[in-house]
Amino acid sequence: MSFPKSYKEFEETLNQLSPPPTWSGALRAMWFDVKGDWESSHNIAQDMHDNNGSWIHAYLHRKEGDKFNAGYWYRMAGKTFPSINLEDEQRQLVEYFLVE
């Protein structure tokens, strides 16, 4: 599977057992999240020591309902706490990592 060029192409990979190992950690983390595997996504984000990892980490803690922890990670990522819903943020993250 080549690198997806759009969200639609990304969605087409969701029937696979795992994301391609050639993808960035950020995109692999989001793949697991979209598949409903919070733990695998969190494990990848936790090992990413950059703004992208912090952003994913923030989103995941927001998703689990831990607003305090999410707020910390948004600040670490240089982001403000979002006002969009989780589904929109999920798509925003995936689309961002598709072009990065």
N, C-alpha and C. Protein backbone atom coordinates (compact mmCIF):
# COMPACT_ATOMS: atom_id res chain seq x y z
N MET A 1 0.85 -1.19 0.00
CA MET A 1 0.00 0.00 0.00
C MET A 1 0.88 1.23 0.00
N SER A 2 0.64 2.09 -0.94
CA SER A 2 1.39 3.34 -0.98
C SER A 2 0.80 4.31 0.04
N PHE A 3 1.49 5.41 0.23
CA PHE A 3 1.05 6.42 1.19
C PHE A 3 -0.25 7.04 0.70
N PRO A 4 -1.28 7.12 1.53
CA PRO A 4 -2.55 7.71 1.08
C PRO A 4 -2.40 9.21 0.81
N LYS A 5 -3.08 9.65 -0.23
CA LYS A 5 -3.01 11.06 -0.62
C LYS A 5 -4.24 11.84 -0.19
N SER A 6 -5.23 11.15 0.37
CA SER A 6 -6.46 11.81 0.80
C SER A 6 -7.05 11.04 1.97
N TYR A 7 -8.01 11.68 2.62
CA TYR A 7 -8.70 11.01 3.73
C TYR A 7 -9.42 9.77 3.21
N LYS A 8 -9.99 9.86 2.03
CA LYS A 8 -10.69 8.70 1.44
C LYS A 8 -9.72 7.53 1.25
N GLU A 9 -8.53 7.80 0.74
CA GLU A 9 -7.53 6.73 0.58
C GLU A 9 -7.11 6.18 1.94
N PHE A 10 -6.99 7.05 2.92
CA PHE A 10 -6.68 6.61 4.29
C PHE A 10 -7.76 5.65 4.78
N GLU A 11 -9.03 6.03 4.59
CA GLU A 11 -10.14 5.18 5.03
C GLU A 11 -10.11 3.81 4.35
N GLU A 12 -9.64 3.76 3.12
CA GLU A 12 -9.60 2.50 2.38
C GLU A 12 -8.59 1.52 2.97
N THR A 13 -7.70 1.99 3.83
CA THR A 13 -6.71 1.09 4.45
C THR A 13 -7.24 0.47 5.75
N LEU A 14 -8.38 0.92 6.21
CA LEU A 14 -8.88 0.50 7.52
C LEU A 14 -9.31 -0.96 7.57
N ASN A 15 -9.41 -1.62 6.42
CA ASN A 15 -9.74 -3.04 6.42
C ASN A 15 -8.50 -3.92 6.63
N GLN A 16 -7.33 -3.31 6.66
CA GLN A 16 -6.09 -4.06 6.90
C GLN A 16 -5.96 -4.37 8.38
N LEU A 17 -5.08 -5.33 8.71
CA LEU A 17 -4.86 -5.70 10.10
C LEU A 17 -4.01 -4.69 10.84
N SER A 18 -3.16 -3.97 10.10
CA SER A 18 -2.31 -2.96 10.72
C SER A 18 -1.92 -1.93 9.66
N PRO A 19 -1.51 -0.75 10.11
CA PRO A 19 -1.09 0.25 9.14
C PRO A 19 0.29 -0.11 8.57
N PRO A 20 0.58 0.33 7.36
CA PRO A 20 1.89 0.05 6.79
C PRO A 20 3.02 0.60 7.69
N PRO A 21 4.06 -0.18 7.90
CA PRO A 21 5.16 0.25 8.77
C PRO A 21 5.94 1.44 8.20
N THR A 22 5.75 1.74 6.94
CA THR A 22 6.47 2.87 6.32
C THR A 22 5.79 4.21 6.63
N TRP A 23 4.58 4.18 7.16
CA TRP A 23 3.90 5.41 7.51
C TRP A 23 4.55 6.05 8.73
N SER A 24 4.38 7.34 8.87
CA SER A 24 4.90 8.05 10.04
C SER A 24 4.21 7.53 11.30
N GLY A 25 4.87 7.72 12.43
CA GLY A 25 4.26 7.33 13.70
C GLY A 25 2.94 8.04 13.92
N ALA A 26 2.89 9.31 13.55
CA ALA A 26 1.67 10.10 13.74
C ALA A 26 0.51 9.51 12.95
N LEU A 27 0.75 9.16 11.69
CA LEU A 27 -0.34 8.62 10.88
C LEU A 27 -0.73 7.23 11.36
N ARG A 28 0.25 6.43 11.78
CA ARG A 28 -0.07 5.10 12.33
C ARG A 28 -0.89 5.24 13.62
N ALA A 29 -0.53 6.21 14.46
CA ALA A 29 -1.29 6.43 15.70
C ALA A 29 -2.74 6.77 15.37
N MET A 30 -2.94 7.61 14.39
CA MET A 30 -4.30 8.00 14.02
C MET A 30 -5.05 6.84 13.37
N TRP A 31 -4.35 6.00 12.63
CA TRP A 31 -4.98 4.82 12.04
C TRP A 31 -5.58 3.95 13.14
N PHE A 32 -4.78 3.70 14.18
CA PHE A 32 -5.29 2.88 15.29
C PHE A 32 -6.47 3.56 15.98
N ASP A 33 -6.39 4.88 16.14
CA ASP A 33 -7.50 5.58 16.78
C ASP A 33 -8.78 5.46 15.95
N VAL A 34 -8.68 5.68 14.65
CA VAL A 34 -9.86 5.58 13.80
C VAL A 34 -10.44 4.16 13.85
N LYS A 35 -9.57 3.17 14.00
CA LYS A 35 -10.02 1.78 14.11
C LYS A 35 -10.62 1.47 15.48
N GLY A 36 -10.53 2.42 16.42
CA GLY A 36 -11.10 2.19 17.75
C GLY A 36 -10.12 1.61 18.75
N ASP A 37 -8.83 1.59 18.41
CA ASP A 37 -7.81 1.04 19.30
C ASP A 37 -7.07 2.19 19.99
N TRP A 38 -7.72 2.75 21.01
CA TRP A 38 -7.17 3.89 21.76
C TRP A 38 -5.80 3.55 22.34
N GLU A 39 -5.66 2.38 22.91
CA GLU A 39 -4.43 1.98 23.59
C GLU A 39 -3.23 1.96 22.63
N SER A 40 -3.38 1.35 21.48
CA SER A 40 -2.28 1.32 20.51
C SER A 40 -1.93 2.71 20.02
N SER A 41 -2.95 3.52 19.79
CA SER A 41 -2.72 4.90 19.36
C SER A 41 -1.97 5.66 20.44
N HIS A 42 -2.39 5.52 21.67
CA HIS A 42 -1.75 6.20 22.80
C HIS A 42 -0.30 5.75 22.97
N ASN A 43 -0.05 4.45 22.82
CA ASN A 43 1.32 3.94 22.96
C ASN A 43 2.26 4.58 21.95
N ILE A 44 1.81 4.76 20.73
CA ILE A 44 2.64 5.40 19.70
C ILE A 44 2.84 6.87 20.03
N ALA A 45 1.75 7.57 20.35
CA ALA A 45 1.83 9.01 20.65
C ALA A 45 2.75 9.26 21.85
N GLN A 46 2.68 8.41 22.83
CA GLN A 46 3.48 8.55 24.05
C GLN A 46 4.98 8.48 23.76
N ASP A 47 5.34 7.77 22.70
CA ASP A 47 6.76 7.64 22.34
C ASP A 47 7.22 8.70 21.35
N MET A 48 6.32 9.57 20.94
CA MET A 48 6.65 10.65 20.01
C MET A 48 6.95 11.90 20.83
N HIS A 49 8.17 12.31 20.87
CA HIS A 49 8.57 13.44 21.70
C HIS A 49 8.69 14.72 20.87
N ASP A 50 7.56 15.09 20.26
CA ASP A 50 7.51 16.31 19.45
C ASP A 50 6.09 16.88 19.51
N ASN A 51 5.87 17.99 18.82
CA ASN A 51 4.54 18.63 18.84
C ASN A 51 3.45 17.72 18.28
N ASN A 52 3.79 16.92 17.28
CA ASN A 52 2.78 16.02 16.71
C ASN A 52 2.33 14.99 17.73
N GLY A 53 3.28 14.40 18.43
CA GLY A 53 2.94 13.43 19.46
C GLY A 53 2.12 14.06 20.56
N SER A 54 2.48 15.28 20.93
CA SER A 54 1.73 15.99 21.98
C SER A 54 0.30 16.28 21.53
N TRP A 55 0.13 16.64 20.26
CA TRP A 55 -1.21 16.93 19.75
C TRP A 55 -2.08 15.66 19.76
N ILE A 56 -1.52 14.57 19.28
CA ILE A 56 -2.27 13.31 19.30
C ILE A 56 -2.59 12.91 20.74
N HIS A 57 -1.60 13.03 21.59
CA HIS A 57 -1.76 12.71 23.01
C HIS A 57 -2.90 13.54 23.62
N ALA A 58 -2.93 14.84 23.29
CA ALA A 58 -3.98 15.73 23.79
C ALA A 58 -5.35 15.27 23.32
N TYR A 59 -5.45 15.01 22.02
CA TYR A 59 -6.72 14.57 21.43
C TYR A 59 -7.19 13.28 22.10
N LEU A 60 -6.28 12.34 22.31
CA LEU A 60 -6.67 11.06 22.91
C LEU A 60 -7.17 11.23 24.33
N HIS A 61 -6.52 12.10 25.10
CA HIS A 61 -6.99 12.32 26.47
C HIS A 61 -8.31 13.10 26.48
N ARG A 62 -8.48 13.98 25.52
CA ARG A 62 -9.78 14.66 25.39
C ARG A 62 -10.86 13.63 25.07
N LYS A 63 -10.53 12.69 24.20
CA LYS A 63 -11.47 11.66 23.79
C LYS A 63 -11.88 10.78 24.98
N GLU A 64 -10.93 10.51 25.87
CA GLU A 64 -11.26 9.67 27.03
C GLU A 64 -11.96 10.46 28.13
N GLY A 65 -12.07 11.78 27.96
CA GLY A 65 -12.77 12.60 28.92
C GLY A 65 -11.90 13.24 29.99
N ASP A 66 -10.58 13.15 29.83
CA ASP A 66 -9.65 13.73 30.79
C ASP A 66 -9.24 15.12 30.32
N LYS A 67 -10.12 16.09 30.55
CA LYS A 67 -9.91 17.44 30.05
C LYS A 67 -8.65 18.09 30.63
N PHE A 68 -8.36 17.85 31.90
CA PHE A 68 -7.18 18.44 32.53
C PHE A 68 -5.90 17.96 31.83
N ASN A 69 -5.76 16.64 31.67
CA ASN A 69 -4.58 16.06 31.03
C ASN A 69 -4.51 16.50 29.56
N ALA A 70 -5.67 16.51 28.90
CA ALA A 70 -5.71 16.95 27.50
C ALA A 70 -5.22 18.38 27.39
N GLY A 71 -5.66 19.25 28.30
CA GLY A 71 -5.23 20.64 28.27
C GLY A 71 -3.73 20.79 28.37
N TYR A 72 -3.11 19.99 29.23
CA TYR A 72 -1.65 20.01 29.35
C TYR A 72 -1.01 19.66 28.01
N TRP A 73 -1.49 18.60 27.37
CA TRP A 73 -0.87 18.16 26.12
C TRP A 73 -1.13 19.12 24.97
N TYR A 74 -2.29 19.77 24.96
CA TYR A 74 -2.53 20.79 23.94
C TYR A 74 -1.51 21.93 24.11
N ARG A 75 -1.29 22.33 25.35
CA ARG A 75 -0.29 23.39 25.59
C ARG A 75 1.10 22.93 25.14
N MET A 76 1.45 21.68 25.41
CA MET A 76 2.76 21.15 24.99
C MET A 76 2.88 21.14 23.47
N ALA A 77 1.76 20.95 22.79
CA ALA A 77 1.75 20.93 21.31
C ALA A 77 1.67 22.33 20.72
N GLY A 78 1.50 23.34 21.58
CA GLY A 78 1.36 24.71 21.08
C GLY A 78 -0.02 24.97 20.49
N LYS A 79 -1.01 24.23 20.95
CA LYS A 79 -2.38 24.34 20.43
C LYS A 79 -3.31 24.84 21.54
N THR A 80 -4.41 25.44 21.15
CA THR A 80 -5.45 25.79 22.11
C THR A 80 -6.43 24.63 22.19
N PHE A 81 -7.11 24.54 23.31
CA PHE A 81 -8.11 23.47 23.47
C PHE A 81 -9.18 23.69 22.41
N PRO A 82 -9.45 22.68 21.58
CA PRO A 82 -10.36 22.88 20.44
C PRO A 82 -11.83 23.00 20.84
N SER A 83 -12.56 23.71 20.02
CA SER A 83 -14.01 23.83 20.23
C SER A 83 -14.77 22.93 19.25
N ILE A 84 -14.07 22.29 18.33
CA ILE A 84 -14.72 21.38 17.38
C ILE A 84 -14.99 20.04 18.06
N ASN A 85 -15.86 19.24 17.48
CA ASN A 85 -16.16 17.94 18.07
C ASN A 85 -15.01 16.97 17.81
N LEU A 86 -15.03 15.84 18.51
CA LEU A 86 -13.94 14.87 18.41
C LEU A 86 -13.79 14.30 17.01
N GLU A 87 -14.90 14.05 16.34
CA GLU A 87 -14.84 13.48 14.99
C GLU A 87 -14.16 14.45 14.02
N ASP A 88 -14.48 15.73 14.16
CA ASP A 88 -13.84 16.72 13.29
C ASP A 88 -12.35 16.85 13.61
N GLU A 89 -12.01 16.79 14.90
CA GLU A 89 -10.59 16.87 15.24
C GLU A 89 -9.84 15.63 14.75
N GLN A 90 -10.46 14.48 14.85
CA GLN A 90 -9.84 13.26 14.36
C GLN A 90 -9.51 13.40 12.87
N ARG A 91 -10.47 13.86 12.11
CA ARG A 91 -10.25 14.03 10.67
C ARG A 91 -9.18 15.10 10.41
N GLN A 92 -9.23 16.19 11.18
CA GLN A 92 -8.23 17.25 11.05
C GLN A 92 -6.81 16.70 11.28
N LEU A 93 -6.65 15.88 12.30
CA LEU A 93 -5.35 15.29 12.59
C LEU A 93 -4.89 14.39 11.43
N VAL A 94 -5.78 13.50 10.98
CA VAL A 94 -5.41 12.61 9.88
C VAL A 94 -5.01 13.42 8.65
N GLU A 95 -5.82 14.39 8.27
CA GLU A 95 -5.51 15.19 7.08
C GLU A 95 -4.22 15.97 7.24
N TYR A 96 -3.95 16.44 8.43
CA TYR A 96 -2.69 17.16 8.68
C TYR A 96 -1.49 16.22 8.46
N PHE A 97 -1.59 15.01 8.98
CA PHE A 97 -0.47 14.07 8.87
C PHE A 97 -0.35 13.45 7.47
N LEU A 98 -1.39 13.57 6.66
CA LEU A 98 -1.30 13.10 5.28
C LEU A 98 -0.42 14.02 4.44
N VAL A 99 -0.37 15.30 4.79
CA VAL A 99 0.40 16.25 3.98
C VAL A 99 1.73 16.62 4.64
N GLU A 100 1.89 16.27 5.89
CA GLU A 100 3.13 16.67 6.57
C GLU A 100 4.31 15.85 6.07
